[in-house]
């Protein structure tokens, strides 16, 4: 935003602190989720169980509390020393939602999937939130508007692909989830109906990305278009094909891994906007 004569609310050390706060908060989310998923994980992936094997339950709770508190404190610290407001409170809300997901919501039909997807998307949207004071000023100019549109674009991408992965993980973990009373989509609707649900969202995501590439090509961002087609769109077509063929837990685990790789490739594509929007 400096290019538009505007000093960002979050820059330098505060930008780094924002990233650290969310790394800590989402790390504690994984920690507490593993704690409450111990019995299920012993069925679905016994070789990857960490709780009670590598680290005791008591230490899991300690790290959950420690990481949560530090992540929230960093948010209030940023509030205090920058124009950003309510970040600390929002960080606390994210911590609370991750805890609710782990103890209850993940077992409910679609609610847990949507919540995790929304929180994944929030990790991107929070940057826009921190710059809200600039976005409310009409004199900021078109550069800020472009950054805002890009932020919402990546937020939508993060939400949809995270939702796809969460449902695929439910198909992978169906045995343990069914045994311990979870009401996930594969259990409530069946595998075939769940595949249709995921397929529809894959088509939506691919359609969105192809639509974006139309404008990228108009702008002659050739490298960005090439990257997106080769490392994001074509792999999504491949994932679609594998989804239709998947039958075993191993197949769904492979799909989940591929989706994570596409998510990572999508995040890295932000570098092109940094290059083209100088």
Protein backbone atom coordinates (compact mmCIF):
# COMPACT_ATOMS: atom_id res chain seq x y z
CA UNK A 1 0.00 0.00 0.00
CA UNK A 2 2.99 2.25 0.35
CA UNK A 3 2.92 2.56 -3.43
CA UNK A 4 -0.38 4.39 -3.09
CA UNK A 5 1.02 6.75 -0.49
CA UNK A 6 -0.59 4.86 2.37
CA UNK A 7 1.28 3.40 5.33
CA UNK A 8 -0.06 -0.08 6.15
CA UNK A 9 -1.44 -0.71 9.62
CA UNK A 10 0.57 -3.92 9.75
CA UNK A 11 4.19 -3.78 8.61
CA UNK A 12 7.64 -4.94 9.66
CA UNK A 13 7.77 -6.68 13.02
CA UNK A 14 3.99 -6.41 13.47
CA UNK A 15 3.40 -8.29 10.23
CA UNK A 16 5.74 -11.02 11.47
CA UNK A 17 3.95 -11.09 14.83
CA UNK A 18 0.59 -11.46 13.07
CA UNK A 19 1.89 -14.51 11.20
CA UNK A 20 3.39 -15.98 14.38
CA UNK A 21 0.15 -15.49 16.31
CA UNK A 22 -1.84 -17.49 13.76
CA UNK A 23 0.82 -20.17 13.44
CA UNK A 24 0.59 -20.65 17.22
CA UNK A 25 -3.21 -20.58 17.29
CA UNK A 26 -3.63 -23.11 14.50
CA UNK A 27 -0.87 -25.26 16.00
CA UNK A 28 -2.79 -25.40 19.28
CA UNK A 29 -5.85 -26.35 17.25
CA UNK A 30 -4.01 -29.39 15.92
CA UNK A 31 -2.75 -30.21 19.41
CA UNK A 32 -6.15 -30.18 21.12
CA UNK A 33 -7.75 -31.98 18.18
CA UNK A 34 -5.23 -34.82 18.53
CA UNK A 35 -6.03 -34.94 22.26
CA UNK A 36 -9.76 -35.47 21.74
CA UNK A 37 -9.25 -37.67 18.67
CA UNK A 38 -7.00 -40.18 20.42
CA UNK A 39 -9.46 -43.09 20.32
CA UNK A 40 -10.48 -42.40 16.73
CA UNK A 41 -6.86 -42.03 15.58
CA UNK A 42 -5.95 -45.34 17.18
CA UNK A 43 -8.32 -46.94 14.66
CA UNK A 44 -7.80 -44.73 11.61
CA UNK A 45 -4.05 -44.11 11.79
CA UNK A 46 -2.47 -45.97 14.74
CA UNK A 47 1.04 -45.49 13.35
CA UNK A 48 0.67 -41.69 13.55
CA UNK A 49 -0.71 -41.41 17.08
CA UNK A 50 1.39 -38.99 19.15
CA UNK A 51 -0.69 -38.48 22.31
CA UNK A 52 0.24 -40.98 25.07
CA UNK A 53 3.00 -42.39 22.86
CA UNK A 54 5.40 -39.48 22.37
CA UNK A 55 3.82 -36.86 24.62
CA UNK A 56 1.60 -37.33 27.68
CA UNK A 57 -1.95 -35.98 27.85
CA UNK A 58 -0.94 -33.55 30.58
CA UNK A 59 1.72 -31.99 28.36
CA UNK A 60 -0.73 -31.84 25.45
CA UNK A 61 -3.06 -29.70 27.59
CA UNK A 62 -0.11 -27.54 28.68
CA UNK A 63 0.93 -26.83 25.10
CA UNK A 64 -2.66 -26.17 24.10
CA UNK A 65 -3.04 -23.53 26.82
CA UNK A 66 0.45 -22.07 26.28
CA UNK A 67 0.11 -21.68 22.50
CA UNK A 68 -3.42 -20.29 22.81
CA UNK A 69 -2.47 -17.68 25.40
CA UNK A 70 0.61 -16.51 23.50
CA UNK A 71 -1.36 -16.26 20.23
CA UNK A 72 -4.08 -14.16 21.89
CA UNK A 73 -1.58 -11.96 23.75
CA UNK A 74 0.23 -11.20 20.49
CA UNK A 75 -3.10 -10.10 19.02
CA UNK A 76 -3.70 -7.64 21.90
CA UNK A 77 -0.08 -6.45 21.58
CA UNK A 78 -0.67 -5.60 17.90
CA UNK A 79 -3.90 -3.82 18.88
CA UNK A 80 -2.00 -1.71 21.40
CA UNK A 81 0.87 -0.59 19.18
CA UNK A 82 -0.84 -0.28 15.77
CA UNK A 83 -4.09 1.21 14.41
CA UNK A 84 -5.55 -2.32 14.30
CA UNK A 85 -8.50 -2.90 16.64
CA UNK A 86 -10.05 -6.06 18.12
CA UNK A 87 -7.42 -8.46 16.75
CA UNK A 88 -6.75 -9.88 20.22
CA UNK A 89 -10.46 -10.48 20.77
CA UNK A 90 -10.82 -12.13 17.37
CA UNK A 91 -7.81 -14.35 18.09
CA UNK A 92 -9.54 -15.45 21.30
CA UNK A 93 -12.70 -16.25 19.32
CA UNK A 94 -10.67 -18.38 16.88
CA UNK A 95 -9.13 -20.29 19.82
CA UNK A 96 -12.59 -20.89 21.31
CA UNK A 97 -14.01 -22.09 17.98
CA UNK A 98 -11.12 -24.50 17.46
CA UNK A 99 -11.73 -25.91 20.94
CA UNK A 100 -15.48 -26.30 20.27
CA UNK A 101 -14.67 -28.01 16.99
CA UNK A 102 -12.40 -30.51 18.71
CA UNK A 103 -14.77 -31.44 21.52
CA UNK A 104 -18.07 -31.46 19.66
CA UNK A 105 -18.62 -29.75 16.31
CA UNK A 106 -16.36 -32.04 14.27
CA UNK A 107 -18.76 -34.91 15.00
CA UNK A 108 -21.74 -33.07 13.52
CA UNK A 109 -22.85 -33.19 9.92
CA UNK A 110 -21.17 -30.45 7.85
CA UNK A 111 -20.92 -27.94 10.73
CA UNK A 112 -17.37 -28.94 11.63
CA UNK A 113 -16.28 -29.02 7.98
CA UNK A 114 -17.65 -25.54 7.32
CA UNK A 115 -16.12 -24.16 10.53
CA UNK A 116 -12.62 -25.44 9.75
CA UNK A 117 -12.91 -24.17 6.18
CA UNK A 118 -14.01 -20.75 7.41
CA UNK A 119 -11.15 -20.57 9.91
CA UNK A 120 -8.69 -21.55 7.19
CA UNK A 121 -10.04 -18.76 5.01
CA UNK A 122 -9.90 -16.33 7.94
CA UNK A 123 -6.13 -16.81 8.15
CA UNK A 124 -6.00 -14.93 4.83
CA UNK A 125 -8.87 -12.52 5.37
CA UNK A 126 -7.40 -11.34 8.69
CA UNK A 127 -4.82 -9.37 6.70
CA UNK A 128 -7.61 -7.39 5.05
CA UNK A 129 -9.30 -6.97 8.43
CA UNK A 130 -6.13 -5.41 9.82
CA UNK A 131 -6.25 -2.81 7.05
CA UNK A 132 -9.95 -2.02 7.51
CA UNK A 133 -9.25 1.57 8.56
CA UNK A 134 -7.64 2.18 5.17
CA UNK A 135 -10.41 0.43 3.24
CA UNK A 136 -12.99 2.75 4.77
CA UNK A 137 -11.22 5.83 3.39
CA UNK A 138 -12.21 6.71 -0.17
CA UNK A 139 -8.96 8.59 -0.82
CA UNK A 140 -6.87 5.47 -0.51
CA UNK A 141 -7.13 4.75 -4.23
CA UNK A 142 -7.45 1.81 -6.56
CA UNK A 143 -4.31 0.01 -5.36
CA UNK A 144 -5.95 -0.82 -2.04
CA UNK A 145 -9.08 -1.95 -3.84
CA UNK A 146 -6.99 -4.35 -5.93
CA UNK A 147 -5.34 -5.80 -2.83
CA UNK A 148 -8.77 -6.22 -1.24
CA UNK A 149 -10.14 -8.08 -4.27
CA UNK A 150 -7.11 -10.35 -4.31
CA UNK A 151 -7.55 -11.03 -0.60
CA UNK A 152 -11.17 -12.08 -1.10
CA UNK A 153 -10.16 -14.20 -4.10
CA UNK A 154 -7.69 -16.18 -2.00
CA UNK A 155 -10.18 -16.33 0.87
CA UNK A 156 -12.70 -18.00 -1.43
CA UNK A 157 -10.06 -20.39 -2.75
CA UNK A 158 -8.96 -21.30 0.78
CA UNK A 159 -12.53 -21.92 1.94
CA UNK A 160 -13.56 -24.15 -0.96
CA UNK A 161 -10.41 -26.25 -1.16
CA UNK A 162 -10.32 -26.64 2.61
CA UNK A 163 -13.96 -27.81 2.58
CA UNK A 164 -13.09 -30.34 -0.12
CA UNK A 165 -10.15 -31.66 1.89
CA UNK A 166 -12.13 -31.87 5.15
CA UNK A 167 -14.82 -34.00 3.51
CA UNK A 168 -12.21 -36.22 1.83
CA UNK A 169 -10.60 -36.71 5.26
CA UNK A 170 -14.00 -37.76 6.61
CA UNK A 171 -14.17 -40.43 3.92
CA UNK A 172 -10.68 -41.55 4.86
CA UNK A 173 -11.56 -41.73 8.59
CA UNK A 174 -15.03 -43.24 8.26
CA UNK A 175 -14.26 -46.43 10.24
CA UNK A 176 -13.06 -44.72 13.40
CA UNK A 177 -15.64 -41.94 13.14
CA UNK A 178 -18.51 -44.44 12.87
CA UNK A 179 -17.29 -46.44 15.86
CA UNK A 180 -17.18 -43.37 18.11
CA UNK A 181 -20.52 -41.87 17.18
CA UNK A 182 -19.56 -39.18 14.70
CA UNK A 183 -22.19 -38.05 12.20
CA UNK A 184 -19.92 -37.00 9.35
CA UNK A 185 -21.13 -36.73 5.77
CA UNK A 186 -19.91 -40.17 4.60
CA UNK A 187 -21.69 -41.77 7.57
CA UNK A 188 -24.92 -39.79 7.22
CA UNK A 189 -25.13 -39.67 3.41
CA UNK A 190 -22.98 -42.56 2.26
CA UNK A 191 -19.75 -42.55 0.27
CA UNK A 192 -21.32 -42.09 -3.17
CA UNK A 193 -23.40 -39.06 -2.17
CA UNK A 194 -20.35 -37.58 -0.44
CA UNK A 195 -18.33 -38.05 -3.61
CA UNK A 196 -20.99 -36.13 -5.52
CA UNK A 197 -20.81 -33.32 -2.96
CA UNK A 198 -17.01 -33.11 -3.29
CA UNK A 199 -17.20 -33.37 -7.09
CA UNK A 200 -19.59 -30.43 -7.29
CA UNK A 201 -17.24 -28.27 -5.21
CA UNK A 202 -14.27 -29.36 -7.31
CA UNK A 203 -16.13 -28.27 -10.45
CA UNK A 204 -17.01 -24.95 -8.79
CA UNK A 205 -13.38 -24.39 -7.76
CA UNK A 206 -12.01 -25.28 -11.18
CA UNK A 207 -14.58 -23.01 -12.81
CA UNK A 208 -13.63 -20.12 -10.51
CA UNK A 209 -9.95 -20.56 -11.28
CA UNK A 210 -10.49 -20.78 -15.03
CA UNK A 211 -12.58 -17.59 -14.85
CA UNK A 212 -9.75 -15.84 -13.01
CA UNK A 213 -7.23 -17.02 -15.62
CA UNK A 214 -9.31 -15.30 -18.30
CA UNK A 215 -8.57 -11.94 -16.67
CA UNK A 216 -4.99 -12.90 -15.90
CA UNK A 217 -4.38 -13.57 -19.59
CA UNK A 218 -6.00 -10.25 -20.55
CA UNK A 219 -3.46 -8.57 -18.26
CA UNK A 220 -0.72 -10.64 -19.99
CA UNK A 221 0.49 -12.18 -16.75
CA UNK A 222 1.83 -15.15 -18.69
CA UNK A 223 3.93 -16.68 -15.91
CA UNK A 224 1.11 -16.47 -13.42
CA UNK A 225 -1.32 -18.15 -15.82
CA UNK A 226 1.18 -20.90 -16.66
CA UNK A 227 1.86 -21.55 -12.98
CA UNK A 228 -1.85 -21.69 -12.09
CA UNK A 229 -2.76 -24.00 -14.96
CA UNK A 230 0.12 -26.44 -14.42
CA UNK A 231 0.28 -26.55 -10.61
CA UNK A 232 -3.29 -25.79 -9.52
CA UNK A 233 -5.93 -26.35 -12.21
CA UNK A 234 -4.57 -29.49 -13.90
CA UNK A 235 -3.88 -31.18 -10.53
CA UNK A 236 -7.50 -30.42 -9.56
CA UNK A 237 -8.69 -32.22 -12.69
CA UNK A 238 -6.45 -35.15 -11.68
CA UNK A 239 -7.88 -35.09 -8.15
CA UNK A 240 -11.39 -35.14 -9.64
CA UNK A 241 -10.49 -38.27 -11.63
CA UNK A 242 -8.94 -40.01 -8.62
CA UNK A 243 -11.94 -39.14 -6.46
CA UNK A 244 -14.27 -41.01 -8.80
CA UNK A 245 -11.98 -44.05 -8.64
CA UNK A 246 -11.23 -43.97 -4.89
CA UNK A 247 -12.44 -46.90 -2.81
CA UNK A 248 -10.12 -47.45 0.15
CA UNK A 249 -8.89 -45.35 3.05
CA UNK A 250 -5.48 -45.33 1.41
CA UNK A 251 -6.99 -43.84 -1.76
CA UNK A 252 -8.62 -41.03 0.20
CA UNK A 253 -5.42 -40.39 2.13
CA UNK A 254 -3.59 -39.99 -1.19
CA UNK A 255 -6.28 -37.56 -2.34
CA UNK A 256 -5.96 -35.56 0.89
CA UNK A 257 -2.21 -35.27 0.37
CA UNK A 258 -2.65 -34.06 -3.21
CA UNK A 259 -5.20 -31.47 -2.10
CA UNK A 260 -2.73 -30.15 0.50
CA UNK A 261 -0.11 -29.79 -2.25
CA UNK A 262 -2.57 -27.80 -4.38
CA UNK A 263 -3.38 -25.61 -1.36
CA UNK A 264 0.33 -24.91 -0.91
CA UNK A 265 0.74 -24.14 -4.61
CA UNK A 266 -2.19 -21.73 -4.35
CA UNK A 267 -0.58 -19.91 -1.44
CA UNK A 268 2.72 -19.60 -3.31
CA UNK A 269 0.90 -18.05 -6.28
CA UNK A 270 0.52 -14.90 -4.17
CA UNK A 271 4.11 -14.12 -5.12
CA UNK A 272 2.98 -13.29 -8.64
CA UNK A 273 0.74 -10.51 -7.38
CA UNK A 274 3.70 -9.15 -5.48
CA UNK A 275 5.65 -9.11 -8.76
CA UNK A 276 2.93 -7.73 -11.04
CA UNK A 277 1.42 -5.18 -8.67
CA UNK A 278 4.57 -3.22 -7.89
